[in-house]
Amino acid sequence: MTGYAVGEDVKVQMPRGKSKRGVMGISVMYTTSQEAKFDGAVGTVTEINPKGPYGIPLYLVDFDEHDNRVAIPWRAQWFREEWIVSTERKEEKIQVADPTAASGFARSQTGEST
């Protein structure tokens, strides 16, 4: 089962790590990979290869329709699932507190505290 659908907007986020100088950035294992050039770019998933090399699902992300500040070397690139994150925020459900429970004491029907 894949984690993203065709047409979904995603952001490229390569694994993070510290350099020799202690600066946080792209992990040194990935800095020379082609995918590292797209770090921070937003694109749309256009194709999914569920059985990519070594059985790892790959997602073809197209950056053509998005305005990115990152210098994109070409229009589309294949990415692993762990290298992309969804740009759509999930709604956080906030439950409104019961005003009678806010005092810390339970009240009976007569209004007396128990």
PDB file of N, CA and C in Angstrom:
ATOM      1  N   MET A   1       0.843  -1.176   0.000  1.00  0.00           N
ATOM      2  CA  MET A   1       0.000   0.000   0.000  1.00  0.00           C
ATOM      3  C   MET A   1       0.888   1.238   0.000  1.00  0.00           C
ATOM      4  N   THR A   2       0.593   2.152  -0.870  1.00  0.00           N
ATOM      5  CA  THR A   2       1.399   3.354  -0.987  1.00  0.00           C
ATOM      6  C   THR A   2       0.838   4.454  -0.098  1.00  0.00           C
ATOM      7  N   GLY A   3       1.694   5.396   0.269  1.00  0.00           N
ATOM      8  CA  GLY A   3       1.291   6.449   1.179  1.00  0.00           C
ATOM      9  C   GLY A   3       0.760   7.697   0.517  1.00  0.00           C
ATOM     10  N   TYR A   4       1.006   7.881  -0.777  1.00  0.00           N
ATOM     11  CA  TYR A   4       0.570   9.082  -1.476  1.00  0.00           C
ATOM     12  C   TYR A   4      -0.204   8.682  -2.714  1.00  0.00           C
ATOM     13  N   ALA A   5      -1.078   9.572  -3.186  1.00  0.00           N
ATOM     14  CA  ALA A   5      -1.903   9.294  -4.350  1.00  0.00           C
ATOM     15  C   ALA A   5      -1.479  10.191  -5.503  1.00  0.00           C
ATOM     16  N   VAL A   6      -1.824   9.777  -6.709  1.00  0.00           N
ATOM     17  CA  VAL A   6      -1.540  10.595  -7.888  1.00  0.00           C
ATOM     18  C   VAL A   6      -2.353  11.877  -7.779  1.00  0.00           C
ATOM     19  N   GLY A   7      -1.714  13.004  -8.030  1.00  0.00           N
ATOM     20  CA  GLY A   7      -2.356  14.310  -7.927  1.00  0.00           C
ATOM     21  C   GLY A   7      -2.150  15.003  -6.591  1.00  0.00           C
ATOM     22  N   GLU A   8      -1.557  14.340  -5.634  1.00  0.00           N
ATOM     23  CA  GLU A   8      -1.332  14.921  -4.309  1.00  0.00           C
ATOM     24  C   GLU A   8      -0.075  15.792  -4.321  1.00  0.00           C
ATOM     25  N   ASP A   9      -0.153  16.950  -3.676  1.00  0.00           N
ATOM     26  CA  ASP A   9       1.003  17.840  -3.571  1.00  0.00           C
ATOM     27  C   ASP A   9       1.905  17.382  -2.432  1.00  0.00           C
ATOM     28  N   VAL A  10       3.209  17.306  -2.720  1.00  0.00           N
ATOM     29  CA  VAL A  10       4.183  16.865  -1.733  1.00  0.00           C
ATOM     30  C   VAL A  10       5.392  17.808  -1.745  1.00  0.00           C
ATOM     31  N   LYS A  11       6.141  17.770  -0.650  1.00  0.00           N
ATOM     32  CA  LYS A  11       7.360  18.555  -0.516  1.00  0.00           C
ATOM     33  C   LYS A  11       8.522  17.590  -0.305  1.00  0.00           C
ATOM     34  N   VAL A  12       9.631  17.852  -0.976  1.00  0.00           N
ATOM     35  CA  VAL A  12      10.809  17.004  -0.835  1.00  0.00           C
ATOM     36  C   VAL A  12      11.527  17.382   0.450  1.00  0.00           C
ATOM     37  N   GLN A  13      11.794  16.392   1.285  1.00  0.00           N
ATOM     38  CA  GLN A  13      12.502  16.623   2.535  1.00  0.00           C
ATOM     39  C   GLN A  13      13.485  15.478   2.731  1.00  0.00           C
ATOM     40  N   MET A  14      14.724  15.725   2.382  1.00  0.00           N
ATOM     41  CA  MET A  14      15.762  14.710   2.496  1.00  0.00           C
ATOM     42  C   MET A  14      16.118  14.489   3.964  1.00  0.00           C
ATOM     43  N   PRO A  15      16.689  13.324   4.293  1.00  0.00           N
ATOM     44  CA  PRO A  15      17.074  13.048   5.685  1.00  0.00           C
ATOM     45  C   PRO A  15      18.061  14.094   6.211  1.00  0.00           C
ATOM     46  N   ARG A  16      17.887  14.501   7.445  1.00  0.00           N
ATOM     47  CA  ARG A  16      18.727  15.539   8.058  1.00  0.00           C
ATOM     48  C   ARG A  16      19.846  14.923   8.876  1.00  0.00           C
ATOM     49  N   GLY A  17      20.915  15.661   8.989  1.00  0.00           N
ATOM     50  CA  GLY A  17      22.060  15.225   9.780  1.00  0.00           C
ATOM     51  C   GLY A  17      23.044  16.369   9.942  1.00  0.00           C
ATOM     52  N   LYS A  18      24.074  16.165  10.755  1.00  0.00           N
ATOM     53  CA  LYS A  18      25.083  17.199  10.997  1.00  0.00           C
ATOM     54  C   LYS A  18      26.311  16.946  10.137  1.00  0.00           C
ATOM     55  N   SER A  19      26.920  18.038   9.684  1.00  0.00           N
ATOM     56  CA  SER A  19      28.163  17.933   8.930  1.00  0.00           C
ATOM     57  C   SER A  19      29.335  17.816   9.901  1.00  0.00           C
ATOM     58  N   LYS A  20      30.555  17.784   9.372  1.00  0.00           N
ATOM     59  CA  LYS A  20      31.743  17.695  10.238  1.00  0.00           C
ATOM     60  C   LYS A  20      31.854  18.897  11.163  1.00  0.00           C
ATOM     61  N   ARG A  21      31.327  20.013  10.722  1.00  0.00           N
ATOM     62  CA  ARG A  21      31.383  21.241  11.534  1.00  0.00           C
ATOM     63  C   ARG A  21      30.218  21.372  12.495  1.00  0.00           C
ATOM     64  N   GLY A  22      29.303  20.424  12.462  1.00  0.00           N
ATOM     65  CA  GLY A  22      28.169  20.451  13.375  1.00  0.00           C
ATOM     66  C   GLY A  22      26.972  21.228  12.857  1.00  0.00           C
ATOM     67  N   VAL A  23      26.957  21.557  11.569  1.00  0.00           N
ATOM     68  CA  VAL A  23      25.859  22.315  10.983  1.00  0.00           C
ATOM     69  C   VAL A  23      24.779  21.346  10.510  1.00  0.00           C
ATOM     70  N   MET A  24      23.519  21.607  10.916  1.00  0.00           N
ATOM     71  CA  MET A  24      22.401  20.760  10.484  1.00  0.00           C
ATOM     72  C   MET A  24      22.046  21.064   9.036  1.00  0.00           C
ATOM     73  N   GLY A  25      21.812  20.028   8.283  1.00  0.00           N
ATOM     74  CA  GLY A  25      21.418  20.145   6.885  1.00  0.00           C
ATOM     75  C   GLY A  25      21.093  18.771   6.353  1.00  0.00           C
ATOM     76  N   ILE A  26      21.210  18.616   5.037  1.00  0.00           N
ATOM     77  CA  ILE A  26      20.995  17.304   4.438  1.00  0.00           C
ATOM     78  C   ILE A  26      22.086  16.375   4.948  1.00  0.00           C
ATOM     79  N   SER A  27      21.710  15.148   5.279  1.00  0.00           N
ATOM     80  CA  SER A  27      22.674  14.172   5.766  1.00  0.00           C
ATOM     81  C   SER A  27      23.807  14.011   4.756  1.00  0.00           C
ATOM     82  N   VAL A  28      25.032  13.879   5.246  1.00  0.00           N
ATOM     83  CA  VAL A  28      26.192  13.782   4.364  1.00  0.00           C
ATOM     84  C   VAL A  28      26.117  12.556   3.461  1.00  0.00           C
ATOM     85  N   MET A  29      25.321  11.559   3.830  1.00  0.00           N
ATOM     86  CA  MET A  29      25.159  10.386   2.967  1.00  0.00           C
ATOM     87  C   MET A  29      24.413  10.719   1.683  1.00  0.00           C
ATOM     88  N   TYR A  30      23.625  11.795   1.689  1.00  0.00           N
ATOM     89  CA  TYR A  30      22.774  12.119   0.549  1.00  0.00           C
ATOM     90  C   TYR A  30      23.147  13.425  -0.152  1.00  0.00           C
ATOM     91  N   THR A  31      24.134  14.146   0.304  1.00  0.00           N
ATOM     92  CA  THR A  31      24.425  15.461  -0.273  1.00  0.00           C
ATOM     93  C   THR A  31      24.828  15.398  -1.732  1.00  0.00           C
ATOM     94  N   THR A  32      25.426  14.321  -2.174  1.00  0.00           N
ATOM     95  CA  THR A  32      25.854  14.221  -3.569  1.00  0.00           C
ATOM     96  C   THR A  32      24.828  13.533  -4.457  1.00  0.00           C
ATOM     97  N   SER A  33      23.716  13.067  -3.909  1.00  0.00           N
ATOM     98  CA  SER A  33      22.711  12.395  -4.729  1.00  0.00           C
ATOM     99  C   SER A  33      21.917  13.420  -5.538  1.00  0.00           C
ATOM    100  N   GLN A  34      21.350  12.971  -6.644  1.00  0.00           N
ATOM    101  CA  GLN A  34      20.560  13.862  -7.503  1.00  0.00           C
ATOM    102  C   GLN A  34      19.321  14.387  -6.780  1.00  0.00           C
ATOM    103  N   GLU A  35      18.758  13.578  -5.903  1.00  0.00           N
ATOM    104  CA  GLU A  35      17.543  13.980  -5.200  1.00  0.00           C
ATOM    105  C   GLU A  35      17.786  15.126  -4.229  1.00  0.00           C
ATOM    106  N   ALA A  36      19.010  15.291  -3.740  1.00  0.00           N
ATOM    107  CA  ALA A  36      19.321  16.350  -2.780  1.00  0.00           C
ATOM    108  C   ALA A  36      19.170  17.736  -3.407  1.00  0.00           C
ATOM    109  N   LYS A  37      19.247  17.826  -4.721  1.00  0.00           N
ATOM    110  CA  LYS A  37      19.084  19.114  -5.398  1.00  0.00           C
ATOM    111  C   LYS A  37      17.660  19.638  -5.294  1.00  0.00           C
ATOM    112  N   PHE A  38      16.716  18.763  -4.992  1.00  0.00           N
ATOM    113  CA  PHE A  38      15.307  19.141  -4.919  1.00  0.00           C
ATOM    114  C   PHE A  38      14.837  19.409  -3.492  1.00  0.00           C
ATOM    115  N   ASP A  39      15.711  19.372  -2.506  1.00  0.00           N
ATOM    116  CA  ASP A  39      15.319  19.525  -1.107  1.00  0.00           C
ATOM    117  C   ASP A  39      14.569  20.838  -0.889  1.00  0.00           C
ATOM    118  N   GLY A  40      13.358  20.756  -0.360  1.00  0.00           N
ATOM    119  CA  GLY A  40      12.532  21.922  -0.085  1.00  0.00           C
ATOM    120  C   GLY A  40      11.580  22.282  -1.210  1.00  0.00           C
ATOM    121  N   ALA A  41      11.652  21.617  -2.348  1.00  0.00           N
ATOM    122  CA  ALA A  41      10.779  21.921  -3.477  1.00  0.00           C
ATOM    123  C   ALA A  41       9.421  21.250  -3.316  1.00  0.00           C
ATOM    124  N   VAL A  42       8.395  21.903  -3.843  1.00  0.00           N
ATOM    125  CA  VAL A  42       7.028  21.384  -3.794  1.00  0.00           C
ATOM    126  C   VAL A  42       6.616  20.960  -5.195  1.00  0.00           C
ATOM    127  N   GLY A  43       6.002  19.778  -5.294  1.00  0.00           N
ATOM    128  CA  GLY A  43       5.558  19.275  -6.584  1.00  0.00           C
ATOM    129  C   GLY A  43       4.326  18.408  -6.434  1.00  0.00           C
ATOM    130  N   THR A  44       3.875  17.856  -7.547  1.00  0.00           N
ATOM    131  CA  THR A  44       2.691  17.013  -7.587  1.00  0.00           C
ATOM    132  C   THR A  44       3.084  15.604  -8.000  1.00  0.00           C
ATOM    133  N   VAL A  45       2.563  14.605  -7.291  1.00  0.00           N
ATOM    134  CA  VAL A  45       2.820  13.210  -7.643  1.00  0.00           C
ATOM    135  C   VAL A  45       2.056  12.915  -8.935  1.00  0.00           C
ATOM    136  N   THR A  46       2.777  12.473  -9.984  1.00  0.00           N
ATOM    137  CA  THR A  46       2.143  12.194 -11.265  1.00  0.00           C
ATOM    138  C   THR A  46       2.114  10.710 -11.598  1.00  0.00           C
ATOM    139  N   GLU A  47       2.985   9.923 -10.984  1.00  0.00           N
ATOM    140  CA  GLU A  47       3.029   8.495 -11.272  1.00  0.00           C
ATOM    141  C   GLU A  47       3.600   7.762 -10.067  1.00  0.00           C
ATOM    142  N   ILE A  48       3.163   6.525  -9.865  1.00  0.00           N
ATOM    143  CA  ILE A  48       3.648   5.708  -8.754  1.00  0.00           C
ATOM    144  C   ILE A  48       4.150   4.382  -9.310  1.00  0.00           C
ATOM    145  N   ASN A  49       5.348   3.988  -8.883  1.00  0.00           N
ATOM    146  CA  ASN A  49       5.906   2.686  -9.233  1.00  0.00           C
ATOM    147  C   ASN A  49       5.957   1.880  -7.935  1.00  0.00           C
ATOM    148  N   PRO A  50       4.921   1.055  -7.656  1.00  0.00           N
ATOM    149  CA  PRO A  50       4.863   0.357  -6.360  1.00  0.00           C
ATOM    150  C   PRO A  50       5.957  -0.678  -6.174  1.00  0.00           C
ATOM    151  N   LYS A  51       6.537  -1.184  -7.247  1.00  0.00           N
ATOM    152  CA  LYS A  51       7.610  -2.177  -7.145  1.00  0.00           C
ATOM    153  C   LYS A  51       8.846  -1.624  -7.832  1.00  0.00           C
ATOM    154  N   GLY A  52       9.409  -0.584  -7.245  1.00  0.00           N
ATOM    155  CA  GLY A  52      10.617   0.015  -7.789  1.00  0.00           C
ATOM    156  C   GLY A  52      11.815  -0.879  -7.540  1.00  0.00           C
ATOM    157  N   PRO A  53      13.009  -0.354  -7.722  1.00  0.00           N
ATOM    158  CA  PRO A  53      14.203  -1.169  -7.476  1.00  0.00           C
ATOM    159  C   PRO A  53      14.248  -1.647  -6.023  1.00  0.00           C
ATOM    160  N   TYR A  54      14.593  -2.905  -5.846  1.00  0.00           N
ATOM    161  CA  TYR A  54      14.677  -3.538  -4.528  1.00  0.00           C
ATOM    162  C   TYR A  54      13.339  -3.555  -3.794  1.00  0.00           C
ATOM    163  N   GLY A  55      12.219  -3.420  -4.514  1.00  0.00           N
ATOM    164  CA  GLY A  55      10.896  -3.472  -3.907  1.00  0.00           C
ATOM    165  C   GLY A  55      10.494  -2.207  -3.176  1.00  0.00           C
ATOM    166  N   ILE A  56      11.226  -1.112  -3.351  1.00  0.00           N
ATOM    167  CA  ILE A  56      10.919   0.159  -2.691  1.00  0.00           C
ATOM    168  C   ILE A  56      10.010   0.975  -3.605  1.00  0.00           C
ATOM    169  N   PRO A  57       8.813   1.375  -3.136  1.00  0.00           N
ATOM    170  CA  PRO A  57       7.924   2.175  -3.983  1.00  0.00           C
ATOM    171  C   PRO A  57       8.555   3.528  -4.311  1.00  0.00           C
ATOM    172  N   LEU A  58       8.372   3.961  -5.558  1.00  0.00           N
ATOM    173  CA  LEU A  58       8.891   5.248  -6.009  1.00  0.00           C
ATOM    174  C   LEU A  58       7.750   6.124  -6.500  1.00  0.00           C
ATOM    175  N   TYR A  59       7.906   7.428  -6.312  1.00  0.00           N
ATOM    176  CA  TYR A  59       6.900   8.404  -6.706  1.00  0.00           C
ATOM    177  C   TYR A  59       7.531   9.399  -7.666  1.00  0.00           C
ATOM    178  N   LEU A  60       6.899   9.584  -8.832  1.00  0.00           N
ATOM    179  CA  LEU A  60       7.368  10.580  -9.786  1.00  0.00           C
ATOM    180  C   LEU A  60       6.712  11.904  -9.433  1.00  0.00           C
ATOM    181  N   VAL A  61       7.535  12.878  -9.040  1.00  0.00           N
ATOM    182  CA  VAL A  61       7.037  14.177  -8.611  1.00  0.00           C
ATOM    183  C   VAL A  61       7.355  15.191  -9.697  1.00  0.00           C
ATOM    184  N   ASP A  62       6.316  15.901 -10.162  1.00  0.00           N
ATOM    185  CA  ASP A  62       6.451  16.916 -11.205  1.00  0.00           C
ATOM    186  C   ASP A  62       6.446  18.296 -10.546  1.00  0.00           C
ATOM    187  N   PHE A  63       7.468  19.097 -10.833  1.00  0.00           N
ATOM    188  CA  PHE A  63       7.626  20.415 -10.206  1.00  0.00           C
ATOM    189  C   PHE A  63       7.237  21.546 -11.141  1.00  0.00           C
ATOM    190  N   ASP A  64       6.695  21.223 -12.311  1.00  0.00           N
ATOM    191  CA  ASP A  64       6.457  22.212 -13.360  1.00  0.00           C
ATOM    192  C   ASP A  64       5.417  23.262 -12.982  1.00  0.00           C
ATOM    193  N   GLU A  65       4.337  22.882 -12.336  1.00  0.00           N
ATOM    194  CA  GLU A  65       3.222  23.794 -12.056  1.00  0.00           C
ATOM    195  C   GLU A  65       3.392  24.596 -10.761  1.00  0.00           C
ATOM    196  N   HIS A  66       4.472  24.390 -10.035  1.00  0.00           N
ATOM    197  CA  HIS A  66       4.644  25.040  -8.736  1.00  0.00           C
ATOM    198  C   HIS A  66       5.747  26.097  -8.805  1.00  0.00           C
ATOM    199  N   ASP A  67       5.568  27.150  -8.011  1.00  0.00           N
ATOM    200  CA  ASP A  67       6.558  28.221  -7.937  1.00  0.00           C
ATOM    201  C   ASP A  67       7.491  27.920  -6.762  1.00  0.00           C
ATOM    202  N   ASN A  68       8.672  27.397  -7.060  1.00  0.00           N
ATOM    203  CA  ASN A  68       9.628  27.010  -6.027  1.00  0.00           C
ATOM    204  C   ASN A  68      10.786  27.984  -5.978  1.00  0.00           C
ATOM    205  N   ARG A  69      11.277  28.241  -4.782  1.00  0.00           N
ATOM    206  CA  ARG A  69      12.473  29.076  -4.617  1.00  0.00           C
ATOM    207  C   ARG A  69      13.740  28.265  -4.838  1.00  0.00           C
ATOM    208  N   VAL A  70      13.608  26.956  -4.781  1.00  0.00           N
ATOM    209  CA  VAL A  70      14.741  26.064  -4.980  1.00  0.00           C
ATOM    210  C   VAL A  70      15.016  25.972  -6.478  1.00  0.00           C
ATOM    211  N   ALA A  71      16.280  25.974  -6.863  1.00  0.00           N
ATOM    212  CA  ALA A  71      16.643  25.851  -8.276  1.00  0.00           C
ATOM    213  C   ALA A  71      16.448  24.396  -8.708  1.00  0.00           C
ATOM    214  N   ILE A  72      15.408  24.147  -9.485  1.00  0.00           N
ATOM    215  CA  ILE A  72      15.079  22.801  -9.930  1.00  0.00           C
ATOM    216  C   ILE A  72      15.871  22.491 -11.203  1.00  0.00           C
ATOM    217  N   PRO A  73      16.703  21.435 -11.186  1.00  0.00           N
ATOM    218  CA  PRO A  73      17.506  21.135 -12.369  1.00  0.00           C
ATOM    219  C   PRO A  73      16.701  20.575 -13.544  1.00  0.00           C
ATOM    220  N   TRP A  74      15.612  19.856 -13.285  1.00  0.00           N
ATOM    221  CA  TRP A  74      14.750  19.334 -14.346  1.00  0.00           C
ATOM    222  C   TRP A  74      13.330  19.249 -13.821  1.00  0.00           C
ATOM    223  N   ARG A  75      12.387  18.959 -14.696  1.00  0.00           N
ATOM    224  CA  ARG A  75      10.962  19.068 -14.380  1.00  0.00           C
ATOM    225  C   ARG A  75      10.440  18.031 -13.400  1.00  0.00           C
ATOM    226  N   ALA A  76      10.908  16.788 -13.481  1.00  0.00           N
ATOM    227  CA  ALA A  76      10.358  15.719 -12.644  1.00  0.00           C
ATOM    228  C   ALA A  76      11.472  14.789 -12.178  1.00  0.00           C
ATOM    229  N   GLN A  77      11.245  14.135 -11.040  1.00  0.00           N
ATOM    230  CA  GLN A  77      12.238  13.226 -10.472  1.00  0.00           C
ATOM    231  C   GLN A  77      11.514  12.155  -9.675  1.00  0.00           C
ATOM    232  N   TRP A  78      12.071  10.930  -9.652  1.00  0.00           N
ATOM    233  CA  TRP A  78      11.549   9.840  -8.847  1.00  0.00           C
ATOM    234  C   TRP A  78      12.097   9.953  -7.429  1.00  0.00           C
ATOM    235  N   PHE A  79      11.213   9.779  -6.423  1.00  0.00           N
ATOM    236  CA  PHE A  79      11.606   9.864  -5.019  1.00  0.00           C
ATOM    237  C   PHE A  79      11.066   8.677  -4.249  1.00  0.00           C
ATOM    238  N   ARG A  80      11.797   8.280  -3.211  1.00  0.00           N
ATOM    239  CA  ARG A  80      11.296   7.284  -2.270  1.00  0.00           C
ATOM    240  C   ARG A  80      10.245   7.927  -1.381  1.00  0.00           C
ATOM    241  N   GLU A  81       9.433   7.076  -0.761  1.00  0.00           N
ATOM    242  CA  GLU A  81       8.356   7.574   0.099  1.00  0.00           C
ATOM    243  C   GLU A  81       8.895   8.340   1.303  1.00  0.00           C
ATOM    244  N   GLU A  82      10.028   7.916   1.855  1.00  0.00           N
ATOM    245  CA  GLU A  82      10.551   8.591   3.050  1.00  0.00           C
ATOM    246  C   GLU A  82      11.227   9.922   2.739  1.00  0.00           C
ATOM    247  N   TRP A  83      11.366  10.262   1.458  1.00  0.00           N
ATOM    248  CA  TRP A  83      12.000  11.528   1.091  1.00  0.00           C
ATOM    249  C   TRP A  83      10.999  12.620   0.762  1.00  0.00           C
ATOM    250  N   ILE A  84       9.706  12.314   0.815  1.00  0.00           N
ATOM    251  CA  ILE A  84       8.684  13.322   0.539  1.00  0.00           C
ATOM    252  C   ILE A  84       7.673  13.356   1.680  1.00  0.00           C
ATOM    253  N   VAL A  85       7.093  14.537   1.898  1.00  0.00           N
ATOM    254  CA  VAL A  85       6.057  14.712   2.914  1.00  0.00           C
ATOM    255  C   VAL A  85       4.880  15.442   2.281  1.00  0.00           C
ATOM    256  N   SER A  86       3.700  15.189   2.771  1.00  0.00           N
ATOM    257  CA  SER A  86       2.492  15.815   2.241  1.00  0.00           C
ATOM    258  C   SER A  86       2.451  17.290   2.637  1.00  0.00           C
ATOM    259  N   THR A  87       2.010  18.134   1.719  1.00  0.00           N
ATOM    260  CA  THR A  87       1.905  19.562   2.027  1.00  0.00           C
ATOM    261  C   THR A  87       0.540  19.906   2.588  1.00  0.00           C
ATOM    262  N   GLU A  88      -0.423  19.002   2.455  1.00  0.00           N
ATOM    263  CA  GLU A  88      -1.765  19.247   2.963  1.00  0.00           C
ATOM    264  C   GLU A  88      -1.780  18.971   4.452  1.00  0.00           C
ATOM    265  N   ARG A  89      -2.190  19.955   5.222  1.00  0.00           N
ATOM    266  CA  ARG A  89      -2.214  19.801   6.677  1.00  0.00           C
ATOM    267  C   ARG A  89      -3.488  19.091   7.098  1.00  0.00           C
ATOM    268  N   LYS A  90      -3.332  18.160   8.003  1.00  0.00           N
ATOM    269  CA  LYS A  90      -4.496  17.468   8.542  1.00  0.00           C
ATOM    270  C   LYS A  90      -5.094  18.334   9.644  1.00  0.00           C
ATOM    271  N   GLU A  91      -6.420  18.354   9.683  1.00  0.00           N
ATOM    272  CA  GLU A  91      -7.100  19.165  10.684  1.00  0.00           C
ATOM    273  C   GLU A  91      -6.890  18.582  12.073  1.00  0.00           C
ATOM    274  N   GLU A  92      -6.530  19.447  13.004  1.00  0.00           N
ATOM    275  CA  GLU A  92      -6.409  19.024  14.392  1.00  0.00           C
ATOM    276  C   GLU A  92      -7.768  19.185  15.053  1.00  0.00           C
ATOM    277  N   LYS A  93      -8.230  18.147  15.687  1.00  0.00           N
ATOM    278  CA  LYS A  93      -9.529  18.200  16.348  1.00  0.00           C
ATOM    279  C   LYS A  93      -9.331  18.697  17.770  1.00  0.00           C
ATOM    280  N   ILE A  94      -9.998  19.783  18.081  1.00  0.00           N
ATOM    281  CA  ILE A  94      -9.915  20.369  19.422  1.00  0.00           C
ATOM    282  C   ILE A  94     -11.268  20.176  20.088  1.00  0.00           C
ATOM    283  N   GLN A  95     -11.242  19.529  21.225  1.00  0.00           N
ATOM    284  CA  GLN A  95     -12.475  19.282  21.954  1.00  0.00           C
ATOM    285  C   GLN A  95     -12.683  20.408  22.959  1.00  0.00           C
ATOM    286  N   VAL A  96     -13.852  21.000  22.894  1.00  0.00           N
ATOM    287  CA  VAL A  96     -14.185  22.090  23.808  1.00  0.00           C
ATOM    288  C   VAL A  96     -14.412  21.505  25.192  1.00  0.00           C
ATOM    289  N   ALA A  97     -13.797  22.117  26.185  1.00  0.00           N
ATOM    290  CA  ALA A  97     -13.906  21.626  27.560  1.00  0.00           C
ATOM    291  C   ALA A  97     -15.292  21.936  28.122  1.00  0.00           C
ATOM    292  N   ASP A  98     -15.763  21.060  28.967  1.00  0.00           N
ATOM    293  CA  ASP A  98     -17.039  21.246  29.637  1.00  0.00           C
ATOM    294  C   ASP A  98     -16.850  22.320  30.717  1.00  0.00           C
ATOM    295  N   PRO A  99     -17.643  23.397  30.701  1.00  0.00           N
ATOM    296  CA  PRO A  99     -17.446  24.474  31.684  1.00  0.00           C
ATOM    297  C   PRO A  99     -17.664  24.021  33.128  1.00  0.00           C
ATOM    298  N   THR A 100     -18.475  22.993  33.354  1.00  0.00           N
ATOM    299  CA  THR A 100     -18.701  22.542  34.726  1.00  0.00           C
ATOM    300  C   THR A 100     -17.511  21.725  35.214  1.00  0.00           C
ATOM    301  N   ALA A 101     -16.772  21.106  34.300  1.00  0.00           N
ATOM    302  CA  ALA A 101     -15.628  20.293  34.700  1.00  0.00           C
ATOM    303  C   ALA A 101     -14.381  21.145  34.913  1.00  0.00           C
ATOM    304  N   ALA A 102     -14.416  22.403  34.484  1.00  0.00           N
ATOM    305  CA  ALA A 102     -13.242  23.266  34.595  1.00  0.00           C
ATOM    306  C   ALA A 102     -12.929  23.634  36.043  1.00  0.00           C
ATOM    307  N   SER A 103     -13.940  23.632  36.921  1.00  0.00           N
ATOM    308  CA  SER A 103     -13.700  24.020  38.306  1.00  0.00           C
ATOM    309  C   SER A 103     -12.961  22.937  39.078  1.00  0.00           C
ATOM    310  N   GLY A 104     -12.984  21.720  38.572  1.00  0.00           N
ATOM    311  CA  GLY A 104     -12.295  20.639  39.257  1.00  0.00           C
ATOM    312  C   GLY A 104     -13.190  19.856  40.192  1.00  0.00           C
ATOM    313  N   PHE A 105     -14.361  20.357  40.457  1.00  0.00           N
ATOM    314  CA  PHE A 105     -15.305  19.661  41.335  1.00  0.00           C
ATOM    315  C   PHE A 105     -16.528  19.261  40.535  1.00  0.00           C
ATOM    316  N   ALA A 106     -17.019  18.093  40.792  1.00  0.00           N
ATOM    317  CA  ALA A 106     -18.260  17.652  40.159  1.00  0.00           C
ATOM    318  C   ALA A 106     -19.427  18.228  40.947  1.00  0.00           C
ATOM    319  N   ARG A 107     -20.423  18.705  40.266  1.00  0.00           N
ATOM    320  CA  ARG A 107     -21.576  19.280  40.936  1.00  0.00           C
ATOM    321  C   ARG A 107     -22.778  18.350  40.765  1.00  0.00           C
ATOM    322  N   SER A 108     -23.560  18.245  41.825  1.00  0.00           N
ATOM    323  CA  SER A 108     -24.777  17.440  41.744  1.00  0.00           C
ATOM    324  C   SER A 108     -25.886  18.279  41.109  1.00  0.00           C
ATOM    325  N   GLN A 109     -27.032  17.673  40.945  1.00  0.00           N
ATOM    326  CA  GLN A 109     -28.155  18.378  40.323  1.00  0.00           C
ATOM    327  C   GLN A 109     -28.656  19.521  41.190  1.00  0.00           C
ATOM    328  N   THR A 110     -28.429  19.476  42.475  1.00  0.00           N
ATOM    329  CA  THR A 110     -28.906  20.533  43.358  1.00  0.00           C
ATOM    330  C   THR A 110     -27.944  21.708  43.411  1.00  0.00           C
ATOM    331  N   GLY A 111     -26.746  21.563  42.800  1.00  0.00           N
ATOM    332  CA  GLY A 111     -25.785  22.659  42.808  1.00  0.00           C
ATOM    333  C   GLY A 111     -24.750  22.536  43.884  1.00  0.00           C
ATOM    334  N   GLU A 112     -24.841  21.528  44.742  1.00  0.00           N
ATOM    335  CA  GLU A 112     -23.856  21.333  45.796  1.00  0.00           C
ATOM    336  C   GLU A 112     -22.627  20.642  45.245  1.00  0.00           C
ATOM    337  N   SER A 113     -21.474  21.001  45.761  1.00  0.00           N
ATOM    338  CA  SER A 113     -20.256  20.330  45.324  1.00  0.00           C
ATOM    339  C   SER A 113     -20.101  19.026  46.101  1.00  0.00           C
ATOM    340  N   THR A 114     -19.526  18.048  45.456  1.00  0.00           N
ATOM    341  CA  THR A 114     -19.383  16.747  46.103  1.00  0.00           C
ATOM    342  C   THR A 114     -17.962  16.536  46.564  1.00  0.00           C
TER     343      THR A 114
END
